[in-house]
Amino acid sequence: MTDVDEKVERTDVGVSVEIEMKRGSGTRDQDKIKAKVKAETLGEAKADLDELKPYLREYADDLRAIQPTEDDD
């Protein structure tokens, strides 16, 4: 399961767009990544976010690859 929440807020210099991606539902089986971009216009903020998404996906894949060991319990 993957949840994605996007929040758009005004700033004094334009807009700020925040995205939160969460995978998993159990306390010990969750990955959560947040990113925020700021720009003068919503279109620029969306473009910046679109540019950022591939890096977030790669980061999420890296996080998923980390598995707890017996020493972590």
PDB file of N, CA and C in Angstrom:
ATOM      1  N   MET A   1       0.842  -1.178   0.000  1.00  0.00           N
ATOM      2  CA  MET A   1       0.000   0.000   0.000  1.00  0.00           C
ATOM      3  C   MET A   1       0.883   1.235   0.000  1.00  0.00           C
ATOM      4  N   THR A   2       0.563   2.207  -0.826  1.00  0.00           N
ATOM      5  CA  THR A   2       1.295   3.448  -0.875  1.00  0.00           C
ATOM      6  C   THR A   2       0.309   4.591  -0.746  1.00  0.00           C
ATOM      7  N   ASP A   3       0.577   5.505   0.184  1.00  0.00           N
ATOM      8  CA  ASP A   3      -0.237   6.699   0.355  1.00  0.00           C
ATOM      9  C   ASP A   3       0.586   7.890  -0.073  1.00  0.00           C
ATOM     10  N   VAL A   4      -0.026   8.815  -0.794  1.00  0.00           N
ATOM     11  CA  VAL A   4       0.652  10.033  -1.189  1.00  0.00           C
ATOM     12  C   VAL A   4      -0.248  11.201  -0.840  1.00  0.00           C
ATOM     13  N   ASP A   5       0.265  12.125  -0.042  1.00  0.00           N
ATOM     14  CA  ASP A   5      -0.459  13.336   0.319  1.00  0.00           C
ATOM     15  C   ASP A   5       0.304  14.518  -0.239  1.00  0.00           C
ATOM     16  N   GLU A   6      -0.398  15.446  -0.868  1.00  0.00           N
ATOM     17  CA  GLU A   6       0.220  16.667  -1.348  1.00  0.00           C
ATOM     18  C   GLU A   6      -0.460  17.847  -0.669  1.00  0.00           C
ATOM     19  N   LYS A   7       0.348  18.795  -0.234  1.00  0.00           N
ATOM     20  CA  LYS A   7      -0.189  19.973   0.423  1.00  0.00           C
ATOM     21  C   LYS A   7       0.405  21.192  -0.266  1.00  0.00           C
ATOM     22  N   VAL A   8      -0.425  22.145  -0.626  1.00  0.00           N
ATOM     23  CA  VAL A   8       0.035  23.379  -1.241  1.00  0.00           C
ATOM     24  C   VAL A   8      -0.252  24.501  -0.265  1.00  0.00           C
ATOM     25  N   GLU A   9       0.769  25.321   0.005  1.00  0.00           N
ATOM     26  CA  GLU A   9       0.568  26.437   0.914  1.00  0.00           C
ATOM     27  C   GLU A   9       1.178  27.691   0.307  1.00  0.00           C
ATOM     28  N   ARG A  10       0.647  28.843   0.672  1.00  0.00           N
ATOM     29  CA  ARG A  10       1.180  30.108   0.180  1.00  0.00           C
ATOM     30  C   ARG A  10       2.373  30.526   1.017  1.00  0.00           C
ATOM     31  N   THR A  11       3.312  31.162   0.378  1.00  0.00           N
ATOM     32  CA  THR A  11       4.427  31.783   1.090  1.00  0.00           C
ATOM     33  C   THR A  11       4.513  33.222   0.623  1.00  0.00           C
ATOM     34  N   ASP A  12       5.304  34.009   1.280  1.00  0.00           N
ATOM     35  CA  ASP A  12       5.390  35.415   0.898  1.00  0.00           C
ATOM     36  C   ASP A  12       6.139  35.628  -0.416  1.00  0.00           C
ATOM     37  N   VAL A  13       6.790  34.604  -0.947  1.00  0.00           N
ATOM     38  CA  VAL A  13       7.514  34.733  -2.211  1.00  0.00           C
ATOM     39  C   VAL A  13       6.961  33.817  -3.292  1.00  0.00           C
ATOM     40  N   GLY A  14       5.823  33.259  -3.125  1.00  0.00           N
ATOM     41  CA  GLY A  14       5.256  32.358  -4.125  1.00  0.00           C
ATOM     42  C   GLY A  14       4.485  31.233  -3.473  1.00  0.00           C
ATOM     43  N   VAL A  15       4.818  29.997  -3.864  1.00  0.00           N
ATOM     44  CA  VAL A  15       4.112  28.842  -3.328  1.00  0.00           C
ATOM     45  C   VAL A  15       5.108  27.815  -2.805  1.00  0.00           C
ATOM     46  N   SER A  16       4.592  26.979  -1.944  1.00  0.00           N
ATOM     47  CA  SER A  16       5.357  25.869  -1.400  1.00  0.00           C
ATOM     48  C   SER A  16       4.503  24.624  -1.568  1.00  0.00           C
ATOM     49  N   VAL A  17       5.084  23.569  -2.137  1.00  0.00           N
ATOM     50  CA  VAL A  17       4.369  22.310  -2.329  1.00  0.00           C
ATOM     51  C   VAL A  17       5.105  21.241  -1.543  1.00  0.00           C
ATOM     52  N   GLU A  18       4.362  20.518  -0.723  1.00  0.00           N
ATOM     53  CA  GLU A  18       4.945  19.452   0.096  1.00  0.00           C
ATOM     54  C   GLU A  18       4.302  18.136  -0.305  1.00  0.00           C
ATOM     55  N   ILE A  19       5.125  17.105  -0.433  1.00  0.00           N
ATOM     56  CA  ILE A  19       4.607  15.780  -0.749  1.00  0.00           C
ATOM     57  C   ILE A  19       5.123  14.806   0.309  1.00  0.00           C
ATOM     58  N   GLU A  20       4.252  13.916   0.728  1.00  0.00           N
ATOM     59  CA  GLU A  20       4.627  12.883   1.691  1.00  0.00           C
ATOM     60  C   GLU A  20       4.225  11.543   1.097  1.00  0.00           C
ATOM     61  N   MET A  21       5.182  10.634   1.050  1.00  0.00           N
ATOM     62  CA  MET A  21       4.907   9.292   0.547  1.00  0.00           C
ATOM     63  C   MET A  21       5.103   8.308   1.687  1.00  0.00           C
ATOM     64  N   LYS A  22       4.124   7.446   1.875  1.00  0.00           N
ATOM     65  CA  LYS A  22       4.200   6.454   2.942  1.00  0.00           C
ATOM     66  C   LYS A  22       3.867   5.094   2.362  1.00  0.00           C
ATOM     67  N   ARG A  23       4.713   4.119   2.673  1.00  0.00           N
ATOM     68  CA  ARG A  23       4.486   2.752   2.224  1.00  0.00           C
ATOM     69  C   ARG A  23       4.429   1.865   3.444  1.00  0.00           C
ATOM     70  N   GLY A  24       3.505   0.930   3.444  1.00  0.00           N
ATOM     71  CA  GLY A  24       3.351   0.014   4.562  1.00  0.00           C
ATOM     72  C   GLY A  24       2.351   0.540   5.567  1.00  0.00           C
ATOM     73  N   SER A  25       1.900  -0.348   6.444  1.00  0.00           N
ATOM     74  CA  SER A  25       0.891   0.070   7.416  1.00  0.00           C
ATOM     75  C   SER A  25       1.267  -0.260   8.845  1.00  0.00           C
ATOM     76  N   GLY A  26       2.151  -1.211   9.046  1.00  0.00           N
ATOM     77  CA  GLY A  26       2.546  -1.576  10.401  1.00  0.00           C
ATOM     78  C   GLY A  26       3.633  -0.649  10.925  1.00  0.00           C
ATOM     79  N   THR A  27       3.715  -0.509  12.225  1.00  0.00           N
ATOM     80  CA  THR A  27       4.696   0.375  12.842  1.00  0.00           C
ATOM     81  C   THR A  27       6.116   0.044  12.402  1.00  0.00           C
ATOM     82  N   ARG A  28       6.432  -1.232  12.336  1.00  0.00           N
ATOM     83  CA  ARG A  28       7.789  -1.633  11.968  1.00  0.00           C
ATOM     84  C   ARG A  28       7.917  -1.942  10.480  1.00  0.00           C
ATOM     85  N   ASP A  29       6.851  -1.674   9.731  1.00  0.00           N
ATOM     86  CA  ASP A  29       6.850  -1.948   8.291  1.00  0.00           C
ATOM     87  C   ASP A  29       6.417  -0.702   7.524  1.00  0.00           C
ATOM     88  N   GLN A  30       6.984   0.452   7.888  1.00  0.00           N
ATOM     89  CA  GLN A  30       6.620   1.694   7.216  1.00  0.00           C
ATOM     90  C   GLN A  30       7.864   2.400   6.717  1.00  0.00           C
ATOM     91  N   ASP A  31       7.747   2.945   5.531  1.00  0.00           N
ATOM     92  CA  ASP A  31       8.747   3.846   4.982  1.00  0.00           C
ATOM     93  C   ASP A  31       8.018   5.155   4.725  1.00  0.00           C
ATOM     94  N   LYS A  32       8.607   6.251   5.144  1.00  0.00           N
ATOM     95  CA  LYS A  32       7.967   7.547   4.970  1.00  0.00           C
ATOM     96  C   LYS A  32       9.012   8.543   4.483  1.00  0.00           C
ATOM     97  N   ILE A  33       8.693   9.233   3.404  1.00  0.00           N
ATOM     98  CA  ILE A  33       9.589  10.235   2.843  1.00  0.00           C
ATOM     99  C   ILE A  33       8.790  11.516   2.622  1.00  0.00           C
ATOM    100  N   LYS A  34       9.357  12.638   3.042  1.00  0.00           N
ATOM    101  CA  LYS A  34       8.726  13.932   2.827  1.00  0.00           C
ATOM    102  C   LYS A  34       9.660  14.794   1.996  1.00  0.00           C
ATOM    103  N   ALA A  35       9.080  15.595   1.115  1.00  0.00           N
ATOM    104  CA  ALA A  35       9.856  16.539   0.319  1.00  0.00           C
ATOM    105  C   ALA A  35       9.042  17.823   0.185  1.00  0.00           C
ATOM    106  N   LYS A  36       9.749  18.922   0.069  1.00  0.00           N
ATOM    107  CA  LYS A  36       9.082  20.211  -0.048  1.00  0.00           C
ATOM    108  C   LYS A  36       9.838  21.055  -1.070  1.00  0.00           C
ATOM    109  N   VAL A  37       9.105  21.698  -1.959  1.00  0.00           N
ATOM    110  CA  VAL A  37       9.708  22.609  -2.926  1.00  0.00           C
ATOM    111  C   VAL A  37       9.032  23.967  -2.804  1.00  0.00           C
ATOM    112  N   LYS A  38       9.805  25.000  -3.063  1.00  0.00           N
ATOM    113  CA  LYS A  38       9.276  26.361  -3.054  1.00  0.00           C
ATOM    114  C   LYS A  38       9.624  27.015  -4.380  1.00  0.00           C
ATOM    115  N   ALA A  39       8.697  27.805  -4.897  1.00  0.00           N
ATOM    116  CA  ALA A  39       8.924  28.496  -6.158  1.00  0.00           C
ATOM    117  C   ALA A  39       8.029  29.732  -6.203  1.00  0.00           C
ATOM    118  N   GLU A  40       8.264  30.543  -7.218  1.00  0.00           N
ATOM    119  CA  GLU A  40       7.472  31.771  -7.350  1.00  0.00           C
ATOM    120  C   GLU A  40       6.061  31.487  -7.843  1.00  0.00           C
ATOM    121  N   THR A  41       5.889  30.421  -8.649  1.00  0.00           N
ATOM    122  CA  THR A  41       4.557  30.083  -9.168  1.00  0.00           C
ATOM    123  C   THR A  41       4.275  28.610  -8.913  1.00  0.00           C
ATOM    124  N   LEU A  42       3.002  28.253  -8.953  1.00  0.00           N
ATOM    125  CA  LEU A  42       2.612  26.862  -8.767  1.00  0.00           C
ATOM    126  C   LEU A  42       3.176  25.998  -9.888  1.00  0.00           C
ATOM    127  N   GLY A  43       3.166  26.508 -11.113  1.00  0.00           N
ATOM    128  CA  GLY A  43       3.713  25.757 -12.235  1.00  0.00           C
ATOM    129  C   GLY A  43       5.188  25.436 -12.042  1.00  0.00           C
ATOM    130  N   GLU A  44       5.959  26.418 -11.553  1.00  0.00           N
ATOM    131  CA  GLU A  44       7.382  26.189 -11.296  1.00  0.00           C
ATOM    132  C   GLU A  44       7.569  25.184 -10.160  1.00  0.00           C
ATOM    133  N   ALA A  45       6.733  25.277  -9.126  1.00  0.00           N
ATOM    134  CA  ALA A  45       6.829  24.340  -7.999  1.00  0.00           C
ATOM    135  C   ALA A  45       6.519  22.919  -8.468  1.00  0.00           C
ATOM    136  N   LYS A  46       5.500  22.767  -9.299  1.00  0.00           N
ATOM    137  CA  LYS A  46       5.164  21.433  -9.821  1.00  0.00           C
ATOM    138  C   LYS A  46       6.298  20.896 -10.684  1.00  0.00           C
ATOM    139  N   ALA A  47       6.903  21.749 -11.508  1.00  0.00           N
ATOM    140  CA  ALA A  47       8.023  21.316 -12.340  1.00  0.00           C
ATOM    141  C   ALA A  47       9.191  20.869 -11.472  1.00  0.00           C
ATOM    142  N   ASP A  48       9.462  21.628 -10.406  1.00  0.00           N
ATOM    143  CA  ASP A  48      10.542  21.247  -9.488  1.00  0.00           C
ATOM    144  C   ASP A  48      10.231  19.915  -8.818  1.00  0.00           C
ATOM    145  N   LEU A  49       8.983  19.721  -8.430  1.00  0.00           N
ATOM    146  CA  LEU A  49       8.576  18.473  -7.792  1.00  0.00           C
ATOM    147  C   LEU A  49       8.693  17.303  -8.767  1.00  0.00           C
ATOM    148  N   ASP A  50       8.293  17.533 -10.007  1.00  0.00           N
ATOM    149  CA  ASP A  50       8.431  16.482 -11.026  1.00  0.00           C
ATOM    150  C   ASP A  50       9.900  16.099 -11.225  1.00  0.00           C
ATOM    151  N   GLU A  51      10.783  17.074 -11.137  1.00  0.00           N
ATOM    152  CA  GLU A  51      12.213  16.806 -11.260  1.00  0.00           C
ATOM    153  C   GLU A  51      12.737  16.044 -10.041  1.00  0.00           C
ATOM    154  N   LEU A  52      12.149  16.302  -8.898  1.00  0.00           N
ATOM    155  CA  LEU A  52      12.580  15.676  -7.642  1.00  0.00           C
ATOM    156  C   LEU A  52      12.075  14.236  -7.492  1.00  0.00           C
ATOM    157  N   LYS A  53      10.929  13.916  -8.063  1.00  0.00           N
ATOM    158  CA  LYS A  53      10.299  12.607  -7.866  1.00  0.00           C
ATOM    159  C   LYS A  53      11.192  11.411  -8.195  1.00  0.00           C
ATOM    160  N   PRO A  54      11.942  11.420  -9.300  1.00  0.00           N
ATOM    161  CA  PRO A  54      12.809  10.253  -9.564  1.00  0.00           C
ATOM    162  C   PRO A  54      13.835  10.020  -8.444  1.00  0.00           C
ATOM    163  N   TYR A  55      14.341  11.092  -7.862  1.00  0.00           N
ATOM    164  CA  TYR A  55      15.290  10.950  -6.760  1.00  0.00           C
ATOM    165  C   TYR A  55      14.599  10.385  -5.521  1.00  0.00           C
ATOM    166  N   LEU A  56      13.361  10.808  -5.295  1.00  0.00           N
ATOM    167  CA  LEU A  56      12.605  10.277  -4.158  1.00  0.00           C
ATOM    168  C   LEU A  56      12.319   8.791  -4.348  1.00  0.00           C
ATOM    169  N   ARG A  57      11.987   8.396  -5.567  1.00  0.00           N
ATOM    170  CA  ARG A  57      11.742   6.972  -5.845  1.00  0.00           C
ATOM    171  C   ARG A  57      13.002   6.153  -5.593  1.00  0.00           C
ATOM    172  N   GLU A  58      14.136   6.676  -6.052  1.00  0.00           N
ATOM    173  CA  GLU A  58      15.407   5.969  -5.841  1.00  0.00           C
ATOM    174  C   GLU A  58      15.714   5.861  -4.345  1.00  0.00           C
ATOM    175  N   TYR A  59      15.481   6.934  -3.627  1.00  0.00           N
ATOM    176  CA  TYR A  59      15.697   6.947  -2.180  1.00  0.00           C
ATOM    177  C   TYR A  59      14.761   5.945  -1.498  1.00  0.00           C
ATOM    178  N   ALA A  60      13.501   5.897  -1.932  1.00  0.00           N
ATOM    179  CA  ALA A  60      12.535   4.958  -1.360  1.00  0.00           C
ATOM    180  C   ALA A  60      12.968   3.518  -1.616  1.00  0.00           C
ATOM    181  N   ASP A  61      13.466   3.252  -2.826  1.00  0.00           N
ATOM    182  CA  ASP A  61      13.965   1.903  -3.135  1.00  0.00           C
ATOM    183  C   ASP A  61      15.123   1.531  -2.218  1.00  0.00           C
ATOM    184  N   ASP A  62      16.018   2.488  -1.978  1.00  0.00           N
ATOM    185  CA  ASP A  62      17.145   2.242  -1.071  1.00  0.00           C
ATOM    186  C   ASP A  62      16.649   1.928   0.340  1.00  0.00           C
ATOM    187  N   LEU A  63      15.659   2.673   0.802  1.00  0.00           N
ATOM    188  CA  LEU A  63      15.119   2.434   2.144  1.00  0.00           C
ATOM    189  C   LEU A  63      14.472   1.059   2.245  1.00  0.00           C
ATOM    190  N   ARG A  64      13.728   0.667   1.212  1.00  0.00           N
ATOM    191  CA  ARG A  64      13.063  -0.642   1.219  1.00  0.00           C
ATOM    192  C   ARG A  64      14.069  -1.777   1.249  1.00  0.00           C
ATOM    193  N   ALA A  65      15.254  -1.547   0.679  1.00  0.00           N
ATOM    194  CA  ALA A  65      16.281  -2.590   0.619  1.00  0.00           C
ATOM    195  C   ALA A  65      16.916  -2.838   1.985  1.00  0.00           C
ATOM    196  N   ILE A  66      16.770  -1.881   2.887  1.00  0.00           N
ATOM    197  CA  ILE A  66      17.334  -2.052   4.229  1.00  0.00           C
ATOM    198  C   ILE A  66      16.392  -2.918   5.042  1.00  0.00           C
ATOM    199  N   GLN A  67      16.863  -4.069   5.469  1.00  0.00           N
ATOM    200  CA  GLN A  67      16.055  -4.988   6.238  1.00  0.00           C
ATOM    201  C   GLN A  67      16.643  -5.107   7.644  1.00  0.00           C
ATOM    202  N   PRO A  68      15.777  -5.210   8.639  1.00  0.00           N
ATOM    203  CA  PRO A  68      16.298  -5.337  10.008  1.00  0.00           C
ATOM    204  C   PRO A  68      17.050  -6.661  10.178  1.00  0.00           C
ATOM    205  N   THR A  69      18.039  -6.624  11.024  1.00  0.00           N
ATOM    206  CA  THR A  69      18.773  -7.837  11.364  1.00  0.00           C
ATOM    207  C   THR A  69      18.343  -8.288  12.737  1.00  0.00           C
ATOM    208  N   GLU A  70      18.764  -9.465  13.131  1.00  0.00           N
ATOM    209  CA  GLU A  70      18.407  -9.961  14.457  1.00  0.00           C
ATOM    210  C   GLU A  70      18.940  -9.053  15.547  1.00  0.00           C
ATOM    211  N   ASP A  71      20.068  -8.386  15.299  1.00  0.00           N
ATOM    212  CA  ASP A  71      20.647  -7.480  16.296  1.00  0.00           C
ATOM    213  C   ASP A  71      19.781  -6.244  16.518  1.00  0.00           C
ATOM    214  N   ASP A  72      18.919  -5.887  15.542  1.00  0.00           N
ATOM    215  CA  ASP A  72      18.084  -4.703  15.644  1.00  0.00           C
ATOM    216  C   ASP A  72      16.905  -4.907  16.591  1.00  0.00           C
ATOM    217  N   ASP A  73      16.540  -6.145  16.887  1.00  0.00           N
ATOM    218  CA  ASP A  73      15.360  -6.400  17.733  1.00  0.00           C
ATOM    219  C   ASP A  73      15.633  -6.202  19.180  1.00  0.00           C
TER     220      ASP A  73
END
